[in-house]
Each structure stands twice: as C-alpha cells, then as structure tokens.
C-alpha cells in the first residue's frame, strides 16, 4: 500500500498520542502531544497530519503556514515549512520521512509558497543529514540550538 495523510480525529487521536520515535531521538523532536497542543494554539497556521500506510499509523507531521519569522527585524518576512516530523521507531528507514517532506512540499506549493523551511537539532542522532539529503540547505540562522534550513519550491 502507498502511504497517505489523514487529519487527526477522535477516532485516531489515541494512536497518534502513542506514537514514539527511537529513545535516542526524543531530545530532537517534541512528542505528538505537544505538537497537537501547539496546533490548537496556532490553529490558523498549523497543519497537523498523521501518516498512514494502509490502516497502520507510521508517523506524524505538522507544517506551519505563513508565520511571521522575526517581526522585530522584518515584519514582512513570513515563512512556511515543516514544523514537526515524528516517524515511529519501528517504521524508520522505510521512506515515510521522505514521503512526509514531499507531502508538505506539495501542500505548500498548493498554497503558493516559494520556499519551505525546517529546523533541526544538530548532532550525532539529529536529522540534519536526512534534510540536507533532501535538498535543504542551512540558512546560517538558528532558532534556539536548532539549525534552520530552506528548500526552494520551484513549481514544476
């Protein structure tokens, strides 16, 4: 079966909350429960989705859409991108992360974005090599300890 996205619903929220990454990755990505709380707080700008393969939950993603980056520096600098990506520990290395990034890329293109941002924790177990392998390039900016990367969304 092909992976697909579904919204978080009362029927699948318990499975979403039970999703866990590898223990050594827990410091790199917030748990789904925090992401859903943030999605509620930023309802106009958050796009949370569950990643299913058939009827099997394999991951969670959340995109952000048109968020002011640093209004004190440039109030017109608005960005969109991948906010969270949690692939279940037992489902990693099977292409679901790449599928998730592609799905967010297509959604942002559909909404008219020209770039896609992501940030990641640097280090041995961080996802930097994964994102850079997909074409993201570091911007030289950081958010907290995280590296900020950008990917152009040239329309086909």
N, C-alpha and C. Protein backbone atom coordinates (compact mmCIF):
# COMPACT_ATOMS: atom_id res chain seq x y z
N UNK A 1 0.83 -1.18 0.00
CA UNK A 1 0.00 0.00 0.00
C UNK A 1 0.88 1.25 0.00
N UNK A 2 0.32 2.33 -0.48
CA UNK A 2 1.05 3.60 -0.52
C UNK A 2 0.73 4.42 0.73
N UNK A 3 1.73 5.13 1.25
CA UNK A 3 1.44 5.99 2.40
C UNK A 3 0.49 7.12 2.00
N UNK A 4 -0.26 7.59 2.98
CA UNK A 4 -1.17 8.70 2.76
C UNK A 4 -1.34 9.47 4.07
N UNK A 5 -1.84 10.69 3.95
CA UNK A 5 -2.06 11.55 5.12
C UNK A 5 -3.54 11.55 5.50
N UNK A 6 -3.77 11.68 6.80
CA UNK A 6 -5.12 11.84 7.32
C UNK A 6 -5.09 12.87 8.43
N UNK A 7 -6.16 13.64 8.58
CA UNK A 7 -6.21 14.57 9.71
C UNK A 7 -6.32 13.80 11.03
N UNK A 8 -5.99 14.48 12.11
CA UNK A 8 -6.15 13.90 13.44
C UNK A 8 -7.64 14.01 13.79
N UNK A 9 -8.23 12.89 14.20
CA UNK A 9 -9.67 12.84 14.52
C UNK A 9 -9.87 12.15 15.87
N UNK A 10 -11.08 12.22 16.40
CA UNK A 10 -11.36 11.47 17.64
C UNK A 10 -11.10 9.97 17.48
N UNK A 11 -11.23 9.45 16.27
CA UNK A 11 -11.03 8.02 16.04
C UNK A 11 -9.56 7.60 16.05
N UNK A 12 -8.64 8.53 15.77
CA UNK A 12 -7.22 8.13 15.68
C UNK A 12 -6.31 8.87 16.66
N UNK A 13 -6.87 9.73 17.50
CA UNK A 13 -6.02 10.54 18.38
C UNK A 13 -5.25 9.67 19.39
N UNK A 14 -5.85 8.62 19.91
CA UNK A 14 -5.12 7.78 20.88
C UNK A 14 -3.90 7.13 20.23
N UNK A 15 -4.05 6.65 19.01
CA UNK A 15 -2.91 6.08 18.30
C UNK A 15 -1.85 7.15 18.05
N UNK A 16 -2.28 8.36 17.70
CA UNK A 16 -1.33 9.45 17.47
C UNK A 16 -0.54 9.76 18.73
N UNK A 17 -1.21 9.81 19.86
CA UNK A 17 -0.54 10.12 21.13
C UNK A 17 0.41 9.01 21.58
N UNK A 18 0.19 7.80 21.11
CA UNK A 18 1.05 6.67 21.47
C UNK A 18 2.29 6.55 20.57
N UNK A 19 2.35 7.33 19.50
CA UNK A 19 3.47 7.26 18.56
C UNK A 19 4.78 7.66 19.24
N UNK A 20 5.81 6.86 19.07
CA UNK A 20 7.11 7.12 19.70
C UNK A 20 8.25 6.97 18.69
N UNK A 21 9.20 7.90 18.75
CA UNK A 21 10.42 7.80 17.96
C UNK A 21 11.41 6.96 18.76
N UNK A 22 12.59 6.70 18.19
CA UNK A 22 13.64 5.99 18.93
C UNK A 22 13.98 6.79 20.19
N UNK A 23 14.27 6.12 21.30
CA UNK A 23 14.60 6.84 22.53
C UNK A 23 15.73 7.86 22.37
N UNK A 24 16.75 7.55 21.55
CA UNK A 24 17.86 8.50 21.38
C UNK A 24 17.46 9.72 20.54
N UNK A 25 16.27 9.69 19.93
CA UNK A 25 15.79 10.82 19.14
C UNK A 25 14.84 11.72 19.92
N UNK A 26 14.43 11.31 21.10
CA UNK A 26 13.43 12.07 21.85
C UNK A 26 13.87 13.48 22.17
N UNK A 27 15.16 13.71 22.29
CA UNK A 27 15.64 15.07 22.57
C UNK A 27 15.60 15.95 21.31
N UNK A 28 15.42 15.34 20.15
CA UNK A 28 15.45 16.08 18.88
C UNK A 28 14.09 16.54 18.40
N UNK A 29 13.01 15.94 18.88
CA UNK A 29 11.68 16.28 18.36
C UNK A 29 10.66 16.17 19.50
N UNK A 30 9.78 17.15 19.55
CA UNK A 30 8.73 17.14 20.59
C UNK A 30 7.78 15.99 20.35
N UNK A 31 7.19 15.48 21.42
CA UNK A 31 6.21 14.40 21.26
C UNK A 31 4.94 14.93 20.59
N UNK A 32 4.17 14.03 20.04
CA UNK A 32 2.94 14.39 19.32
C UNK A 32 2.01 15.20 20.21
N UNK A 33 1.92 14.88 21.49
CA UNK A 33 1.00 15.60 22.37
C UNK A 33 1.33 17.10 22.40
N UNK A 34 2.61 17.43 22.44
CA UNK A 34 3.00 18.86 22.43
C UNK A 34 2.64 19.49 21.09
N UNK A 35 2.90 18.77 20.02
CA UNK A 35 2.59 19.30 18.69
C UNK A 35 1.10 19.58 18.54
N UNK A 36 0.26 18.69 19.05
CA UNK A 36 -1.18 18.90 18.94
C UNK A 36 -1.63 20.08 19.79
N UNK A 37 -0.99 20.28 20.94
CA UNK A 37 -1.30 21.47 21.74
C UNK A 37 -0.92 22.74 20.98
N UNK A 38 0.24 22.72 20.34
CA UNK A 38 0.66 23.88 19.54
C UNK A 38 -0.25 24.07 18.33
N UNK A 39 -0.70 22.99 17.73
CA UNK A 39 -1.62 23.10 16.60
C UNK A 39 -2.92 23.77 17.04
N UNK A 40 -3.37 23.47 18.23
CA UNK A 40 -4.56 24.10 18.76
C UNK A 40 -4.31 25.59 18.99
N UNK A 41 -3.17 25.93 19.56
CA UNK A 41 -2.84 27.33 19.85
C UNK A 41 -2.61 28.15 18.58
N UNK A 42 -2.10 27.51 17.54
CA UNK A 42 -1.81 28.19 16.28
C UNK A 42 -2.72 27.65 15.17
N UNK A 43 -3.99 27.47 15.49
CA UNK A 43 -4.92 26.78 14.60
C UNK A 43 -4.95 27.35 13.19
N UNK A 44 -4.80 28.65 13.05
CA UNK A 44 -4.87 29.26 11.72
C UNK A 44 -3.63 28.96 10.87
N UNK A 45 -2.53 28.59 11.51
CA UNK A 45 -1.28 28.44 10.79
C UNK A 45 -0.65 27.04 10.85
N UNK A 46 -1.24 26.16 11.64
CA UNK A 46 -0.69 24.80 11.78
C UNK A 46 -1.47 23.83 10.90
N UNK A 47 -0.75 22.84 10.37
CA UNK A 47 -1.34 21.82 9.51
C UNK A 47 -0.85 20.45 9.99
N UNK A 48 -1.49 19.88 11.04
CA UNK A 48 -1.07 18.57 11.55
C UNK A 48 -1.73 17.44 10.75
N UNK A 49 -0.95 16.41 10.48
CA UNK A 49 -1.47 15.24 9.75
C UNK A 49 -0.79 13.97 10.26
N UNK A 50 -1.55 12.89 10.21
CA UNK A 50 -1.00 11.58 10.53
C UNK A 50 -0.60 10.90 9.23
N UNK A 51 0.46 10.12 9.29
CA UNK A 51 0.95 9.37 8.13
C UNK A 51 0.56 7.92 8.34
N UNK A 52 -0.23 7.42 7.41
CA UNK A 52 -0.66 6.03 7.45
C UNK A 52 -0.10 5.28 6.25
N UNK A 53 0.15 4.00 6.45
CA UNK A 53 0.43 3.07 5.35
C UNK A 53 -0.68 2.03 5.45
N UNK A 54 -1.64 2.11 4.56
CA UNK A 54 -2.84 1.31 4.72
C UNK A 54 -3.58 1.82 5.94
N UNK A 55 -3.89 0.91 6.88
CA UNK A 55 -4.56 1.34 8.11
C UNK A 55 -3.59 1.41 9.29
N UNK A 56 -2.30 1.32 9.00
CA UNK A 56 -1.25 1.32 10.03
C UNK A 56 -0.67 2.73 10.18
N UNK A 57 -0.76 3.31 11.39
CA UNK A 57 -0.16 4.60 11.67
C UNK A 57 1.36 4.45 11.73
N UNK A 58 2.08 5.24 10.94
CA UNK A 58 3.54 5.16 10.92
C UNK A 58 4.21 6.46 11.33
N UNK A 59 3.46 7.57 11.34
CA UNK A 59 4.11 8.82 11.69
C UNK A 59 3.15 9.98 11.82
N UNK A 60 3.72 11.12 12.15
CA UNK A 60 3.01 12.37 12.36
C UNK A 60 3.84 13.48 11.75
N UNK A 61 3.19 14.44 11.13
CA UNK A 61 3.87 15.64 10.67
C UNK A 61 3.02 16.84 11.00
N UNK A 62 3.67 17.98 11.11
CA UNK A 62 2.94 19.23 11.25
C UNK A 62 3.70 20.29 10.47
N UNK A 63 2.98 20.94 9.58
CA UNK A 63 3.54 22.05 8.82
C UNK A 63 3.09 23.35 9.46
N UNK A 64 3.82 24.41 9.16
CA UNK A 64 3.40 25.75 9.55
C UNK A 64 3.27 26.56 8.26
N UNK A 65 2.29 27.46 8.24
CA UNK A 65 1.98 28.19 7.03
C UNK A 65 1.97 29.68 7.30
N UNK A 66 2.85 30.40 6.60
CA UNK A 66 2.83 31.86 6.60
C UNK A 66 2.95 32.47 7.99
N UNK A 67 3.94 32.02 8.74
CA UNK A 67 4.17 32.55 10.09
C UNK A 67 5.22 33.67 10.03
N UNK A 68 4.96 34.81 10.69
CA UNK A 68 6.00 35.86 10.75
C UNK A 68 7.24 35.30 11.42
N UNK A 69 8.40 35.42 10.77
CA UNK A 69 9.62 34.80 11.29
C UNK A 69 10.21 35.60 12.44
N UNK A 70 10.55 36.85 12.20
CA UNK A 70 11.09 37.72 13.25
C UNK A 70 10.55 39.12 13.00
N UNK A 71 9.36 39.40 13.51
CA UNK A 71 8.71 40.68 13.22
C UNK A 71 9.54 41.89 13.65
N UNK A 72 10.44 41.72 14.63
CA UNK A 72 11.27 42.85 15.06
C UNK A 72 12.30 43.22 13.99
N UNK A 73 12.78 42.24 13.24
CA UNK A 73 13.76 42.50 12.18
C UNK A 73 13.08 42.86 10.86
N UNK A 74 12.08 42.07 10.47
CA UNK A 74 11.39 42.30 9.20
C UNK A 74 9.97 41.77 9.32
N UNK A 75 9.01 42.67 9.55
CA UNK A 75 7.63 42.21 9.74
C UNK A 75 7.03 41.54 8.50
N UNK A 76 7.65 41.73 7.34
CA UNK A 76 7.14 41.10 6.12
C UNK A 76 7.76 39.74 5.83
N UNK A 77 8.73 39.31 6.66
CA UNK A 77 9.37 38.01 6.47
C UNK A 77 8.45 36.92 7.03
N UNK A 78 7.65 36.32 6.16
CA UNK A 78 6.70 35.28 6.54
C UNK A 78 7.17 33.97 5.91
N UNK A 79 7.13 32.91 6.68
CA UNK A 79 7.67 31.63 6.22
C UNK A 79 6.69 30.49 6.43
N UNK A 80 6.89 29.46 5.65
CA UNK A 80 6.11 28.23 5.75
C UNK A 80 7.09 27.07 5.73
N UNK A 81 6.70 25.95 6.34
CA UNK A 81 7.60 24.81 6.31
C UNK A 81 7.14 23.65 7.15
N UNK A 82 8.07 22.77 7.42
CA UNK A 82 7.83 21.57 8.23
C UNK A 82 8.20 21.89 9.67
N UNK A 83 7.22 21.81 10.53
CA UNK A 83 7.41 22.15 11.95
C UNK A 83 7.83 20.91 12.74
N UNK A 84 7.16 19.80 12.51
CA UNK A 84 7.47 18.56 13.24
C UNK A 84 7.40 17.37 12.30
N UNK A 85 8.24 16.41 12.57
CA UNK A 85 8.19 15.13 11.87
C UNK A 85 8.57 14.03 12.86
N UNK A 86 7.61 13.17 13.15
CA UNK A 86 7.81 12.05 14.06
C UNK A 86 7.47 10.78 13.29
N UNK A 87 8.46 9.98 13.00
CA UNK A 87 8.22 8.68 12.39
C UNK A 87 8.42 7.64 13.48
N UNK A 88 7.44 6.76 13.64
CA UNK A 88 7.52 5.73 14.68
C UNK A 88 8.83 4.95 14.57
N UNK A 89 9.40 4.62 15.71
CA UNK A 89 10.71 3.96 15.75
C UNK A 89 10.76 2.73 14.85
N UNK A 90 9.71 1.93 14.87
CA UNK A 90 9.71 0.69 14.09
C UNK A 90 9.45 0.90 12.60
N UNK A 91 9.17 2.15 12.21
CA UNK A 91 8.85 2.44 10.81
C UNK A 91 9.91 3.32 10.12
N UNK A 92 10.98 3.63 10.82
CA UNK A 92 12.01 4.47 10.24
C UNK A 92 12.84 3.71 9.21
N UNK A 93 13.39 4.46 8.26
CA UNK A 93 14.21 3.85 7.23
C UNK A 93 13.41 3.19 6.13
N UNK A 94 12.11 3.47 6.05
CA UNK A 94 11.25 2.84 5.04
C UNK A 94 10.66 3.86 4.06
N UNK A 95 11.16 5.09 4.09
CA UNK A 95 10.71 6.10 3.13
C UNK A 95 9.58 6.98 3.61
N UNK A 96 9.10 6.79 4.83
CA UNK A 96 7.99 7.59 5.31
C UNK A 96 8.39 9.05 5.58
N UNK A 97 9.61 9.26 6.02
CA UNK A 97 10.08 10.64 6.23
C UNK A 97 10.14 11.41 4.91
N UNK A 98 10.67 10.77 3.90
CA UNK A 98 10.73 11.39 2.57
C UNK A 98 9.32 11.66 2.06
N UNK A 99 8.41 10.70 2.24
CA UNK A 99 7.02 10.90 1.85
C UNK A 99 6.44 12.13 2.56
N UNK A 100 6.69 12.26 3.85
CA UNK A 100 6.16 13.38 4.63
C UNK A 100 6.68 14.72 4.11
N UNK A 101 7.97 14.81 3.86
CA UNK A 101 8.55 16.05 3.33
C UNK A 101 7.93 16.37 1.97
N UNK A 102 7.79 15.38 1.12
CA UNK A 102 7.18 15.60 -0.19
C UNK A 102 5.73 16.07 -0.06
N UNK A 103 4.99 15.50 0.89
CA UNK A 103 3.60 15.88 1.09
C UNK A 103 3.49 17.33 1.56
N UNK A 104 4.36 17.73 2.46
CA UNK A 104 4.35 19.13 2.92
C UNK A 104 4.76 20.04 1.77
N UNK A 105 5.76 19.64 1.01
CA UNK A 105 6.20 20.44 -0.14
C UNK A 105 5.02 20.68 -1.09
N UNK A 106 4.25 19.64 -1.39
CA UNK A 106 3.11 19.79 -2.30
C UNK A 106 2.03 20.68 -1.70
N UNK A 107 1.77 20.54 -0.41
CA UNK A 107 0.75 21.38 0.24
C UNK A 107 1.18 22.85 0.22
N UNK A 108 2.44 23.10 0.49
CA UNK A 108 2.92 24.49 0.49
C UNK A 108 2.91 25.06 -0.93
N UNK A 109 3.26 24.26 -1.91
CA UNK A 109 3.16 24.72 -3.31
C UNK A 109 1.71 25.09 -3.63
N UNK A 110 0.78 24.22 -3.22
CA UNK A 110 -0.63 24.46 -3.47
C UNK A 110 -1.08 25.78 -2.85
N UNK A 111 -0.49 26.13 -1.72
CA UNK A 111 -0.84 27.38 -1.02
C UNK A 111 -0.04 28.57 -1.54
N UNK A 112 0.83 28.35 -2.53
CA UNK A 112 1.55 29.45 -3.16
C UNK A 112 2.91 29.78 -2.57
N UNK A 113 3.42 28.96 -1.65
CA UNK A 113 4.74 29.23 -1.06
C UNK A 113 5.83 28.99 -2.09
N UNK A 114 6.92 29.73 -1.96
CA UNK A 114 8.05 29.55 -2.87
C UNK A 114 9.24 28.88 -2.18
N UNK A 115 9.19 28.81 -0.85
CA UNK A 115 10.25 28.16 -0.08
C UNK A 115 9.63 27.37 1.06
N UNK A 116 10.38 26.37 1.49
CA UNK A 116 9.96 25.52 2.62
C UNK A 116 11.09 25.51 3.63
N UNK A 117 10.76 25.82 4.87
CA UNK A 117 11.76 25.86 5.94
C UNK A 117 11.60 24.66 6.87
N UNK A 118 12.68 24.33 7.52
CA UNK A 118 12.69 23.30 8.55
C UNK A 118 13.84 23.65 9.50
N UNK A 119 13.76 23.19 10.72
CA UNK A 119 14.88 23.35 11.65
C UNK A 119 15.14 22.00 12.30
N UNK A 120 16.39 21.81 12.70
CA UNK A 120 16.75 20.52 13.29
C UNK A 120 17.83 20.69 14.33
N UNK A 121 17.81 19.74 15.26
CA UNK A 121 18.85 19.67 16.29
C UNK A 121 20.10 19.10 15.65
N UNK A 122 21.22 19.81 15.75
CA UNK A 122 22.46 19.25 15.22
C UNK A 122 22.96 18.13 16.14
N UNK A 123 23.83 17.32 15.62
CA UNK A 123 24.42 16.29 16.46
C UNK A 123 24.30 14.91 15.85
N UNK A 124 24.88 13.96 16.55
CA UNK A 124 25.00 12.59 16.06
C UNK A 124 23.67 11.95 15.69
N UNK A 125 22.65 12.13 16.50
CA UNK A 125 21.36 11.49 16.23
C UNK A 125 20.35 12.47 15.65
N UNK A 126 20.80 13.65 15.28
CA UNK A 126 19.91 14.64 14.69
C UNK A 126 19.62 14.33 13.23
N UNK A 127 18.57 14.93 12.69
CA UNK A 127 18.15 14.64 11.32
C UNK A 127 18.79 15.53 10.25
N UNK A 128 19.86 16.23 10.57
CA UNK A 128 20.48 17.14 9.60
C UNK A 128 20.84 16.48 8.29
N UNK A 129 21.47 15.33 8.34
CA UNK A 129 21.88 14.65 7.10
C UNK A 129 20.66 14.24 6.27
N UNK A 130 19.58 13.85 6.94
CA UNK A 130 18.34 13.50 6.24
C UNK A 130 17.82 14.71 5.47
N UNK A 131 17.68 15.84 6.16
CA UNK A 131 17.14 17.03 5.50
C UNK A 131 18.07 17.55 4.40
N UNK A 132 19.35 17.57 4.66
CA UNK A 132 20.29 18.02 3.63
C UNK A 132 20.27 17.08 2.43
N UNK A 133 20.08 15.78 2.66
CA UNK A 133 19.98 14.82 1.57
C UNK A 133 18.75 15.04 0.70
N UNK A 134 17.74 15.70 1.26
CA UNK A 134 16.53 16.02 0.50
C UNK A 134 16.62 17.38 -0.18
N UNK A 135 17.76 18.05 -0.01
CA UNK A 135 17.97 19.32 -0.70
C UNK A 135 17.88 20.56 0.16
N UNK A 136 17.56 20.44 1.45
CA UNK A 136 17.55 21.61 2.32
C UNK A 136 18.98 22.10 2.49
N UNK A 137 19.14 23.40 2.52
CA UNK A 137 20.46 23.96 2.78
C UNK A 137 20.38 24.87 4.00
N UNK A 138 21.36 24.80 4.89
CA UNK A 138 21.35 25.67 6.06
C UNK A 138 21.36 27.13 5.64
N UNK A 139 20.57 27.95 6.34
CA UNK A 139 20.47 29.38 6.03
C UNK A 139 21.53 30.19 6.76
N UNK A 140 22.15 29.60 7.78
CA UNK A 140 23.06 30.33 8.65
C UNK A 140 22.34 30.87 9.88
N UNK A 141 21.02 30.74 9.90
CA UNK A 141 20.22 31.16 11.05
C UNK A 141 20.08 29.99 12.02
N UNK A 142 19.76 30.32 13.24
CA UNK A 142 19.42 29.31 14.23
C UNK A 142 18.16 29.76 14.94
N UNK A 143 17.47 28.82 15.50
CA UNK A 143 16.35 29.10 16.38
C UNK A 143 16.59 28.29 17.63
N UNK A 144 16.99 28.98 18.68
CA UNK A 144 17.49 28.27 19.85
C UNK A 144 18.79 27.58 19.46
N UNK A 145 18.86 26.28 19.71
CA UNK A 145 20.04 25.50 19.31
C UNK A 145 19.90 24.90 17.92
N UNK A 146 18.73 25.06 17.32
CA UNK A 146 18.45 24.36 16.07
C UNK A 146 18.98 25.11 14.85
N UNK A 147 19.43 24.34 13.88
CA UNK A 147 19.85 24.84 12.57
C UNK A 147 18.60 25.05 11.72
N UNK A 148 18.54 26.17 11.00
CA UNK A 148 17.42 26.45 10.11
C UNK A 148 17.87 26.12 8.67
N UNK A 149 17.02 25.37 7.97
CA UNK A 149 17.29 25.02 6.57
C UNK A 149 16.16 25.46 5.68
N UNK A 150 16.46 25.66 4.40
CA UNK A 150 15.46 26.09 3.43
C UNK A 150 15.59 25.27 2.17
N UNK A 151 14.46 25.07 1.51
CA UNK A 151 14.38 24.35 0.26
C UNK A 151 13.50 25.17 -0.69
N UNK A 152 14.02 25.45 -1.89
CA UNK A 152 13.21 26.16 -2.88
C UNK A 152 12.10 25.25 -3.39
N UNK A 153 10.95 25.85 -3.66
CA UNK A 153 9.79 25.08 -4.13
C UNK A 153 9.47 25.47 -5.57
N UNK A 154 10.43 25.29 -6.44
CA UNK A 154 10.18 25.58 -7.84
C UNK A 154 8.97 24.80 -8.30
N UNK A 155 8.04 25.48 -8.93
CA UNK A 155 6.83 24.82 -9.40
C UNK A 155 7.14 24.08 -10.69
N UNK A 156 6.71 22.81 -10.79
CA UNK A 156 7.02 22.02 -11.98
C UNK A 156 6.34 22.57 -13.22
